[in-house]
Amino acid sequence: MVEFPEYLDVAYDDGEGEQPGDYPALEDKIEKAIEVTRIGLEEYESPAVMWTGGKDSTLTLYFVAQVAEKYGLEVPPAVFIDHFQHFDELMGFVDRWADEWDLDVIYARNDDVGSLADEPGEEIAVSDLNEQNQHHVREILEYEEDTFPFLLDTYVGNHLLKTVALNEALESHGIDGIISGIRWDEQEARADETFFSPRHDPDIYPPHDRVQPILQFEESAVWDAFWNYVVPDTVEEYPMGHVPQDYDDLPNGLDHADLPVSPKYFEGFRSLGSEVSTDKADTEPAWLQNLEETTERAGRAQDKEDLMSRLRDLGYM
């Protein structure tokens, strides 16, 4: 095989200087998502889809499945980072739809860290980590304390539980392109991303590209796509155009387990981080909230949010 990335023909500047307003209609956003997804599935020798069970990655997975079917391509495996602090409902959602969609799921875990604590918040001694994790803590993060808390939304915790786990999965499975559901409007640290984003420094991560089909979607557009395309296309009994107005507003006797939408969104969560550090944004379902004038990730722990740029430099999504 030719050394990465010489066998690729992708435009790394595609999307440079753009913003969601450059794709004004939902149809414009979908058209671009299909184009980027098709290129991603055709160009990369060993692609995978980043799937968190959240709305953005599930929408991305939908585009992957649709494009694969249309162009006669294979649906690649999905990478799910199990950081040990998910909502129970989210894990059930992932298991349910992985089975329904016959997905090959790669569960990326940093078992060394996970084995050293029973509950979130417990202190873990750096000296108890294996050699690789100690290297990340001391040499890469330059963390000097003797212990760190077993919490996802901290600098050390996020890097070890998510980034290290992801990079190990990329390397062990030879993944050269990971299709990711990040958006320009989600965070300032992601506002300058392009549709094909290179990650080629072998000193930081296994060389690969990030393929990002839904950069141009705003939060409201994601939900418009769900209720007009994803759910009606996935659930045979679901009527076109029905947007649930509360937790129990499901038509035709359907249950939450029948919908590819996490029930946490019906409960008022707009972002699904970890069980111990994410709160409801409101009591209304996510798509009925004031999406334009409020912050999508307001319920997330801000110590991690404020470090997003540094975390992304180390390989975080």
Protein backbone atom coordinates (compact mmCIF):
# COMPACT_ATOMS: atom_id res chain seq x y z
CA MET A 1 0.00 0.00 0.00
CA VAL A 2 1.24 3.49 -0.83
CA GLU A 3 2.32 5.43 2.23
CA PHE A 4 -0.45 7.57 3.75
CA PRO A 5 -1.71 9.97 2.55
CA GLU A 6 -0.36 9.83 -1.00
CA TYR A 7 -3.12 7.56 -2.34
CA LEU A 8 -5.82 10.13 -1.48
CA ASP A 9 -7.35 12.76 -3.73
CA VAL A 10 -9.25 15.05 -1.38
CA ALA A 11 -9.39 18.84 -1.10
CA TYR A 12 -8.12 19.76 2.36
CA ASP A 13 -9.23 23.36 1.83
CA ASP A 14 -12.85 22.42 1.05
CA GLY A 15 -14.96 24.55 3.39
CA GLU A 16 -12.17 26.94 4.30
CA GLY A 17 -13.60 30.33 5.32
CA GLU A 18 -17.17 29.06 5.07
CA GLN A 19 -19.95 29.07 7.64
CA PRO A 20 -23.44 27.57 7.94
CA GLY A 21 -25.00 30.58 6.20
CA ASP A 22 -23.22 29.57 3.00
CA TYR A 23 -25.64 26.62 2.92
CA PRO A 24 -28.93 28.45 3.56
CA ALA A 25 -31.51 25.72 2.94
CA LEU A 26 -31.69 22.28 4.54
CA GLU A 27 -31.46 20.79 1.06
CA ASP A 28 -28.17 22.66 0.48
CA LYS A 29 -26.73 21.25 3.70
CA ILE A 30 -27.85 17.72 2.85
CA GLU A 31 -26.44 17.92 -0.67
CA LYS A 32 -23.03 18.89 0.69
CA ALA A 33 -23.19 16.19 3.37
CA ILE A 34 -23.87 13.56 0.71
CA GLU A 35 -20.98 14.80 -1.43
CA VAL A 36 -18.48 14.75 1.45
CA THR A 37 -19.70 11.36 2.65
CA ARG A 38 -19.41 9.83 -0.81
CA ILE A 39 -15.85 11.07 -1.23
CA GLY A 40 -14.99 9.79 2.23
CA LEU A 41 -16.32 6.31 1.52
CA GLU A 42 -14.67 6.13 -1.90
CA GLU A 43 -11.26 7.65 -1.18
CA TYR A 44 -10.21 6.05 2.10
CA GLU A 45 -9.03 2.48 2.20
CA SER A 46 -10.14 1.84 5.79
CA PRO A 47 -12.73 4.41 6.88
CA ALA A 48 -14.80 4.35 10.06
CA VAL A 49 -17.63 6.44 11.51
CA MET A 50 -17.31 8.16 14.87
CA TRP A 51 -20.55 7.37 16.72
CA THR A 52 -21.38 8.70 20.17
CA GLY A 53 -25.10 7.92 20.14
CA GLY A 54 -25.77 11.67 20.08
CA LYS A 55 -27.75 13.52 17.45
CA ASP A 56 -24.82 14.77 15.34
CA SER A 57 -23.01 11.46 15.00
CA THR A 58 -26.28 9.60 14.43
CA LEU A 59 -27.18 12.03 11.63
CA THR A 60 -23.72 11.43 10.17
CA LEU A 61 -24.25 7.67 10.40
CA TYR A 62 -27.56 8.12 8.56
CA PHE A 63 -25.81 9.89 5.69
CA VAL A 64 -23.17 7.17 5.58
CA ALA A 65 -25.83 4.45 5.35
CA GLN A 66 -27.81 6.33 2.68
CA VAL A 67 -24.75 7.07 0.54
CA ALA A 68 -23.43 3.53 0.88
CA GLU A 69 -26.73 2.12 -0.32
CA LYS A 70 -27.06 4.61 -3.21
CA TYR A 71 -23.54 4.10 -4.57
CA GLY A 72 -23.09 0.43 -3.75
CA LEU A 73 -20.44 1.03 -1.09
CA GLU A 74 -19.84 -0.74 2.20
CA VAL A 75 -20.96 0.76 5.49
CA PRO A 76 -17.74 1.08 7.50
CA PRO A 77 -17.45 0.14 11.16
CA ALA A 78 -18.52 2.62 13.82
CA VAL A 79 -16.11 3.66 16.57
CA PHE A 80 -17.78 4.21 19.94
CA ILE A 81 -15.61 5.63 22.72
CA ASP A 82 -16.68 4.02 25.99
CA HIS A 83 -15.35 6.38 28.65
CA PHE A 84 -17.13 4.51 31.50
CA GLN A 85 -19.33 7.51 32.44
CA HIS A 86 -22.14 7.42 29.88
CA PHE A 87 -25.82 7.73 30.67
CA ASP A 88 -27.28 4.23 30.98
CA GLU A 89 -29.95 5.21 28.46
CA LEU A 90 -27.27 6.14 25.95
CA MET A 91 -25.58 2.76 26.21
CA GLY A 92 -28.93 1.08 25.69
CA PHE A 93 -29.59 3.30 22.68
CA VAL A 94 -26.26 2.39 21.08
CA ASP A 95 -26.77 -1.34 21.67
CA ARG A 96 -30.31 -1.19 20.29
CA TRP A 97 -29.48 0.64 17.06
CA ALA A 98 -26.19 -1.12 16.44
CA ASP A 99 -28.23 -4.31 16.35
CA GLU A 100 -31.05 -2.78 14.28
CA TRP A 101 -28.66 -1.38 11.68
CA ASP A 102 -26.34 -4.41 11.77
CA LEU A 103 -23.34 -2.23 12.59
CA ASP A 104 -19.84 -3.43 13.25
CA VAL A 105 -19.03 -1.39 16.37
CA ILE A 106 -15.47 -0.90 17.60
CA TYR A 107 -15.62 -0.10 21.31
CA ALA A 108 -12.63 2.10 22.13
CA ARG A 109 -11.74 1.97 25.83
CA ASN A 110 -8.74 2.87 27.96
CA ASP A 111 -9.12 -0.18 30.18
CA ASP A 112 -5.97 0.62 32.16
CA VAL A 113 -7.57 3.80 33.52
CA GLY A 114 -11.03 2.27 33.83
CA SER A 115 -9.73 -0.57 35.99
CA LEU A 116 -8.30 1.79 38.61
CA ALA A 117 -11.53 3.39 39.85
CA ASP A 118 -15.03 2.21 40.72
CA GLU A 119 -16.82 5.56 40.85
CA PRO A 120 -16.45 8.90 39.05
CA GLY A 121 -14.41 11.37 41.06
CA GLU A 122 -12.13 8.80 42.68
CA GLU A 123 -8.49 9.81 42.72
CA ILE A 124 -6.16 7.71 40.57
CA ALA A 125 -2.43 7.64 41.28
CA VAL A 126 -0.36 8.43 38.21
CA SER A 127 2.16 5.83 39.37
CA ASP A 128 -0.51 3.11 39.05
CA LEU A 129 -0.99 3.76 35.33
CA ASN A 130 0.74 1.68 32.71
CA GLU A 131 3.81 3.07 30.97
CA GLN A 132 1.93 4.48 27.99
CA ASN A 133 -0.62 6.36 30.09
CA GLN A 134 2.08 7.68 32.40
CA HIS A 135 3.88 8.99 29.31
CA HIS A 136 0.75 10.84 28.22
CA VAL A 137 0.19 12.34 31.67
CA ARG A 138 3.78 13.41 32.36
CA GLU A 139 5.32 14.07 28.95
CA ILE A 140 2.43 15.10 26.73
CA LEU A 141 0.05 16.79 29.18
CA GLU A 142 2.92 17.90 31.47
CA TYR A 143 0.71 17.15 34.48
CA GLU A 144 2.73 17.33 37.70
CA GLU A 145 0.32 16.20 40.44
CA ASP A 146 0.57 12.70 41.94
CA THR A 147 -3.11 11.91 41.37
CA PHE A 148 -5.98 12.95 39.12
CA PRO A 149 -9.75 12.47 39.46
CA PHE A 150 -11.53 9.77 37.50
CA LEU A 151 -13.70 12.30 35.71
CA LEU A 152 -14.34 12.64 32.00
CA ASP A 153 -14.66 16.40 31.73
CA THR A 154 -11.20 17.34 32.97
CA TYR A 155 -7.99 17.82 31.03
CA VAL A 156 -6.31 14.59 32.12
CA GLY A 157 -9.51 12.53 32.26
CA ASN A 158 -10.75 13.58 28.85
CA HIS A 159 -7.40 12.94 27.20
CA LEU A 160 -6.88 9.49 28.72
CA LEU A 161 -10.45 8.25 28.50
CA LYS A 162 -11.31 9.60 25.06
CA THR A 163 -8.32 10.73 23.01
CA VAL A 164 -5.94 7.94 23.98
CA ALA A 165 -8.70 5.36 23.55
CA LEU A 166 -9.58 6.76 20.12
CA ASN A 167 -5.97 6.85 18.93
CA GLU A 168 -5.43 3.25 20.02
CA ALA A 169 -8.50 2.21 18.02
CA LEU A 170 -7.32 4.12 14.95
CA GLU A 171 -3.94 2.43 15.12
CA SER A 172 -5.07 -1.09 15.92
CA HIS A 173 -7.69 -1.10 13.15
CA GLY A 174 -5.59 0.78 10.58
CA ILE A 175 -8.23 3.51 10.15
CA ASP A 176 -7.12 6.18 7.68
CA GLY A 177 -10.28 8.31 7.59
CA ILE A 178 -12.71 8.78 10.45
CA ILE A 179 -16.07 10.27 9.50
CA SER A 180 -17.05 12.63 12.29
CA GLY A 181 -20.20 14.59 13.13
CA ILE A 182 -18.76 17.88 14.35
CA ARG A 183 -20.24 21.26 13.36
CA TRP A 184 -18.88 24.76 12.86
CA ASP A 185 -21.44 26.36 15.17
CA GLU A 186 -20.97 23.87 18.02
CA GLN A 187 -17.80 25.38 19.49
CA GLU A 188 -15.34 28.14 18.69
CA ALA A 189 -12.52 25.58 18.56
CA ARG A 190 -14.27 23.87 15.62
CA ALA A 191 -15.23 26.98 13.65
CA ASP A 192 -12.23 26.77 11.30
CA GLU A 193 -12.46 23.07 10.46
CA THR A 194 -12.67 21.93 6.84
CA PHE A 195 -14.62 19.03 5.38
CA PHE A 196 -11.42 17.00 5.01
CA SER A 197 -9.08 17.75 7.88
CA PRO A 198 -5.59 16.17 8.00
CA ARG A 199 -4.16 14.64 11.17
CA HIS A 200 -0.78 13.48 9.89
CA ASP A 201 1.69 14.10 12.72
CA PRO A 202 2.79 10.63 13.90
CA ASP A 203 4.15 12.09 17.14
CA ILE A 204 0.61 13.02 18.21
CA TYR A 205 -1.77 10.48 16.66
CA PRO A 206 -1.82 7.68 14.11
CA PRO A 207 -1.85 9.55 10.76
CA HIS A 208 -5.39 9.83 9.46
CA ASP A 209 -7.94 12.33 8.16
CA ARG A 210 -11.13 13.61 9.73
CA VAL A 211 -14.02 13.57 7.24
CA GLN A 212 -16.70 15.97 8.47
CA PRO A 213 -19.93 15.93 6.42
CA ILE A 214 -22.18 18.03 8.68
CA LEU A 215 -19.96 21.01 9.48
CA GLN A 216 -22.52 23.26 7.74
CA PHE A 217 -25.47 22.20 9.93
CA GLU A 218 -26.73 24.38 12.74
CA GLU A 219 -28.30 22.66 15.73
CA SER A 220 -31.81 23.47 14.47
CA ALA A 221 -30.99 22.05 11.04
CA VAL A 222 -29.85 18.80 12.64
CA TRP A 223 -33.29 18.41 14.22
CA ASP A 224 -35.04 19.40 10.99
CA ALA A 225 -33.12 16.62 9.26
CA PHE A 226 -34.14 14.15 11.96
CA TRP A 227 -37.86 14.82 11.85
CA ASN A 228 -38.05 15.18 8.06
CA TYR A 229 -35.65 12.45 6.97
CA VAL A 230 -33.93 10.27 9.58
CA VAL A 231 -36.93 9.22 11.64
CA PRO A 232 -39.46 8.81 8.79
CA ASP A 233 -36.88 6.85 6.75
CA THR A 234 -35.98 4.64 9.70
CA VAL A 235 -39.33 4.04 11.39
CA GLU A 236 -41.93 2.58 9.04
CA GLU A 237 -44.93 3.70 11.11
CA TYR A 238 -43.69 7.25 11.65
CA PRO A 239 -45.77 9.92 9.85
CA MET A 240 -43.86 12.42 7.74
CA GLY A 241 -43.64 15.87 9.32
CA HIS A 242 -44.63 14.94 12.87
CA VAL A 243 -42.43 16.80 15.39
CA PRO A 244 -43.02 15.60 18.97
CA GLN A 245 -44.14 18.37 21.29
CA ASP A 246 -43.35 16.62 24.57
CA TYR A 247 -41.92 13.39 25.96
CA ASP A 248 -45.10 11.38 25.38
CA ASP A 249 -46.04 12.79 21.98
CA LEU A 250 -45.25 9.71 19.90
CA PRO A 251 -47.65 8.75 17.10
CA ASN A 252 -49.12 5.39 16.12
CA GLY A 253 -48.38 3.68 19.43
CA LEU A 254 -44.62 4.04 18.98
CA ASP A 255 -42.24 3.86 21.92
CA HIS A 256 -38.96 5.71 22.43
CA ALA A 257 -37.10 2.50 21.69
CA ASP A 258 -38.58 2.61 18.19
CA LEU A 259 -36.93 5.94 17.34
CA PRO A 260 -33.25 6.57 16.51
CA VAL A 261 -33.33 9.54 18.90
CA SER A 262 -31.96 9.23 22.43
CA PRO A 263 -34.72 9.65 25.03
CA LYS A 264 -32.40 12.06 26.87
CA TYR A 265 -33.18 14.65 24.17
CA PHE A 266 -36.90 14.24 24.91
CA GLU A 267 -36.11 14.92 28.58
CA GLY A 268 -34.52 18.30 27.81
CA PHE A 269 -30.84 17.48 27.35
CA ARG A 270 -29.22 19.16 24.34
CA SER A 271 -25.78 17.62 24.73
CA LEU A 272 -24.94 14.13 25.98
CA GLY A 273 -21.53 14.26 27.63
CA SER A 274 -21.28 12.17 30.77
CA GLU A 275 -23.79 11.22 33.43
CA VAL A 276 -21.86 13.02 36.15
CA SER A 277 -21.16 16.30 34.37
CA THR A 278 -24.06 17.03 32.01
CA ASP A 279 -27.35 18.61 33.06
CA LYS A 280 -30.63 19.30 31.31
CA ALA A 281 -30.72 22.54 29.38
CA ASP A 282 -34.48 22.88 29.91
CA THR A 283 -37.57 20.76 30.51
CA GLU A 284 -38.77 20.84 26.91
CA PRO A 285 -37.44 18.42 24.30
CA ALA A 286 -34.17 19.67 22.81
CA TRP A 287 -35.60 20.67 19.41
CA LEU A 288 -38.30 22.89 21.01
CA GLN A 289 -35.86 24.96 23.05
CA ASN A 290 -34.53 28.40 22.11
CA LEU A 291 -31.69 27.04 19.99
CA GLU A 292 -30.64 30.34 18.45
CA GLU A 293 -30.25 32.39 21.64
CA THR A 294 -28.97 29.82 24.12
CA THR A 295 -25.80 27.74 24.31
CA GLU A 296 -26.06 24.13 23.19
CA ARG A 297 -23.37 22.88 25.58
CA ALA A 298 -24.38 24.98 28.59
CA GLY A 299 -25.04 21.81 30.56
CA ARG A 300 -21.48 20.54 30.05
CA ALA A 301 -18.64 20.95 32.58
CA GLN A 302 -16.84 24.12 31.60
CA ASP A 303 -13.37 23.12 32.78
CA LYS A 304 -13.20 20.78 29.80
CA GLU A 305 -14.98 23.15 27.43
CA ASP A 306 -12.47 25.91 28.18
CA LEU A 307 -9.60 23.57 27.27
CA MET A 308 -11.10 22.44 23.96
CA SER A 309 -8.42 23.97 21.74
CA ARG A 310 -5.60 22.25 23.62
CA LEU A 311 -7.47 18.96 23.69
CA ARG A 312 -8.06 19.10 19.94
CA ASP A 313 -4.36 19.64 19.36
CA LEU A 314 -3.83 16.29 21.09
CA GLY A 315 -6.34 14.46 18.92
CA TYR A 316 -9.72 15.10 20.56
CA MET A 317 -12.69 15.31 18.16
